[in-house]
Amino acid sequence: MKKLLMIGMLSIALIGAGSLTPIYAAGEQDQGAAQGDQGAGGMAQGEKLTGVEVTEINKDQGTVQIKKQEGGQETLKLDPSQAAQLDQIQKGDKVDITMVERGGEKVATSISKSG
């Protein structure tokens, strides 16, 4: 009787552990994806800045310098898909920018005039 009871308990324990494995594995995958969406500084993918002022544009280097609302300057590299947007923006314009961190650089994945 004890042997039968032990086998039953072991079966329940193994079934329970087996059913948790996919949940645990999915959690690890989700965590990895979340970490992959962040750069070295932990910037969340798609951080958006609205109404920031353009202080300098360098078409040759594909960068734009902005004056942040809380103060300070920041230079962003433009994603190659946004290069044409530089023709639409001038120094002094207020812009909305979506940016991510890639390889230690802040990259603007979207830039457009505010308003």
Protein backbone atom coordinates (compact mmCIF):
# COMPACT_ATOMS: atom_id res chain seq x y z
CA MET A 1 0.00 0.00 0.00
CA LYS A 2 2.81 2.42 0.88
CA LYS A 3 4.52 1.63 -2.41
CA LEU A 4 1.34 2.40 -4.35
CA LEU A 5 0.88 5.65 -2.42
CA MET A 6 4.49 6.70 -3.11
CA ILE A 7 4.12 5.95 -6.82
CA GLY A 8 0.92 8.00 -6.93
CA MET A 9 2.55 10.96 -5.17
CA LEU A 10 5.60 10.78 -7.41
CA SER A 11 3.36 10.72 -10.51
CA ILE A 12 1.49 13.80 -9.31
CA ALA A 13 4.75 15.60 -8.58
CA LEU A 14 6.17 14.78 -12.02
CA ILE A 15 2.99 15.77 -13.83
CA GLY A 16 2.87 19.04 -11.88
CA ALA A 17 6.51 19.83 -12.62
CA GLY A 18 6.04 18.94 -16.28
CA SER A 19 3.12 21.31 -16.62
CA LEU A 20 5.17 24.19 -15.16
CA THR A 21 8.06 23.75 -17.54
CA PRO A 22 6.36 25.44 -20.54
CA ILE A 23 5.31 28.36 -18.35
CA TYR A 24 8.83 28.78 -16.97
CA ALA A 25 10.35 28.48 -20.42
CA ALA A 26 7.94 31.06 -21.83
CA GLY A 27 8.87 33.42 -19.01
CA GLU A 28 12.53 33.10 -19.89
CA GLN A 29 11.82 33.79 -23.56
CA ASP A 30 9.75 36.86 -22.71
CA GLN A 31 12.46 38.14 -20.42
CA GLY A 32 15.08 37.66 -23.11
CA ALA A 33 12.97 39.51 -25.64
CA ALA A 34 12.50 42.38 -23.24
CA GLN A 35 16.23 42.59 -22.61
CA GLY A 36 16.86 42.47 -26.35
CA ASP A 37 14.63 45.51 -26.80
CA GLN A 38 16.76 47.55 -24.45
CA GLY A 39 20.18 48.93 -25.02
CA ALA A 40 23.09 49.07 -22.65
CA GLY A 41 21.50 51.98 -20.80
CA GLY A 42 18.22 50.12 -20.47
CA MET A 43 16.27 52.47 -22.71
CA ALA A 44 12.93 50.94 -23.51
CA GLN A 45 12.22 50.38 -27.15
CA GLY A 46 10.36 53.29 -28.68
CA GLU A 47 11.03 56.03 -26.12
CA LYS A 48 9.24 59.09 -27.46
CA LEU A 49 10.27 62.73 -27.10
CA THR A 50 7.71 65.33 -28.10
CA GLY A 51 8.20 68.98 -28.90
CA VAL A 52 12.00 69.01 -28.65
CA GLU A 53 13.96 71.69 -30.48
CA VAL A 54 16.41 70.87 -33.26
CA THR A 55 19.66 72.71 -32.58
CA GLU A 56 21.85 71.18 -35.29
CA ILE A 57 21.52 68.86 -38.29
CA ASN A 58 24.44 66.98 -39.86
CA LYS A 59 23.24 65.31 -43.08
CA ASP A 60 26.69 63.88 -43.85
CA GLN A 61 26.81 61.99 -40.55
CA GLY A 62 23.06 61.39 -40.40
CA THR A 63 22.70 62.99 -36.97
CA VAL A 64 20.44 65.54 -35.37
CA GLN A 65 21.15 67.42 -32.17
CA ILE A 66 18.20 68.31 -29.97
CA LYS A 67 17.60 70.48 -26.93
CA LYS A 68 15.65 68.41 -24.44
CA GLN A 69 12.73 69.98 -22.58
CA GLU A 70 14.33 69.23 -19.20
CA GLY A 71 17.52 70.89 -20.42
CA GLY A 72 20.69 69.73 -22.04
CA GLN A 73 21.64 68.81 -25.58
CA GLU A 74 21.62 65.35 -27.08
CA THR A 75 22.85 64.07 -30.43
CA LEU A 76 20.91 61.26 -32.07
CA LYS A 77 21.89 59.16 -35.04
CA LEU A 78 19.06 58.80 -37.54
CA ASP A 79 17.94 55.39 -38.67
CA PRO A 80 18.73 55.14 -42.41
CA SER A 81 14.98 54.91 -43.11
CA GLN A 82 14.62 58.46 -41.73
CA ALA A 83 17.35 60.12 -43.80
CA ALA A 84 14.82 61.77 -46.13
CA GLN A 85 13.19 63.44 -43.12
CA LEU A 86 16.27 65.61 -42.67
CA ASP A 87 15.22 67.56 -45.78
CA GLN A 88 11.93 68.44 -44.05
CA ILE A 89 13.45 69.65 -40.77
CA GLN A 90 15.43 72.80 -40.05
CA LYS A 91 17.38 74.16 -37.11
CA GLY A 92 14.92 75.64 -34.61
CA ASP A 93 12.03 73.32 -35.55
CA LYS A 94 10.12 71.51 -32.82
CA VAL A 95 10.01 67.79 -33.53
CA ASP A 96 8.64 64.54 -32.17
CA ILE A 97 11.18 61.72 -32.03
CA THR A 98 10.94 58.04 -31.28
CA MET A 99 14.30 56.57 -30.35
CA VAL A 100 15.95 53.35 -29.26
CA GLU A 101 19.43 52.44 -28.13
CA ARG A 102 21.42 50.25 -30.52
CA GLY A 103 24.99 49.26 -29.87
CA GLY A 104 25.44 51.99 -27.31
CA GLU A 105 24.11 54.74 -29.61
CA LYS A 106 20.78 56.53 -29.39
CA VAL A 107 19.06 56.11 -32.74
CA ALA A 108 16.01 58.06 -33.92
CA THR A 109 13.68 55.55 -35.59
CA SER A 110 11.07 58.22 -36.30
CA ILE A 111 11.33 62.01 -36.54
CA SER A 112 8.69 64.51 -37.64
CA LYS A 113 7.72 68.12 -37.04
CA SER A 114 5.52 68.63 -33.99
CA GLY A 115 1.98 69.70 -34.47
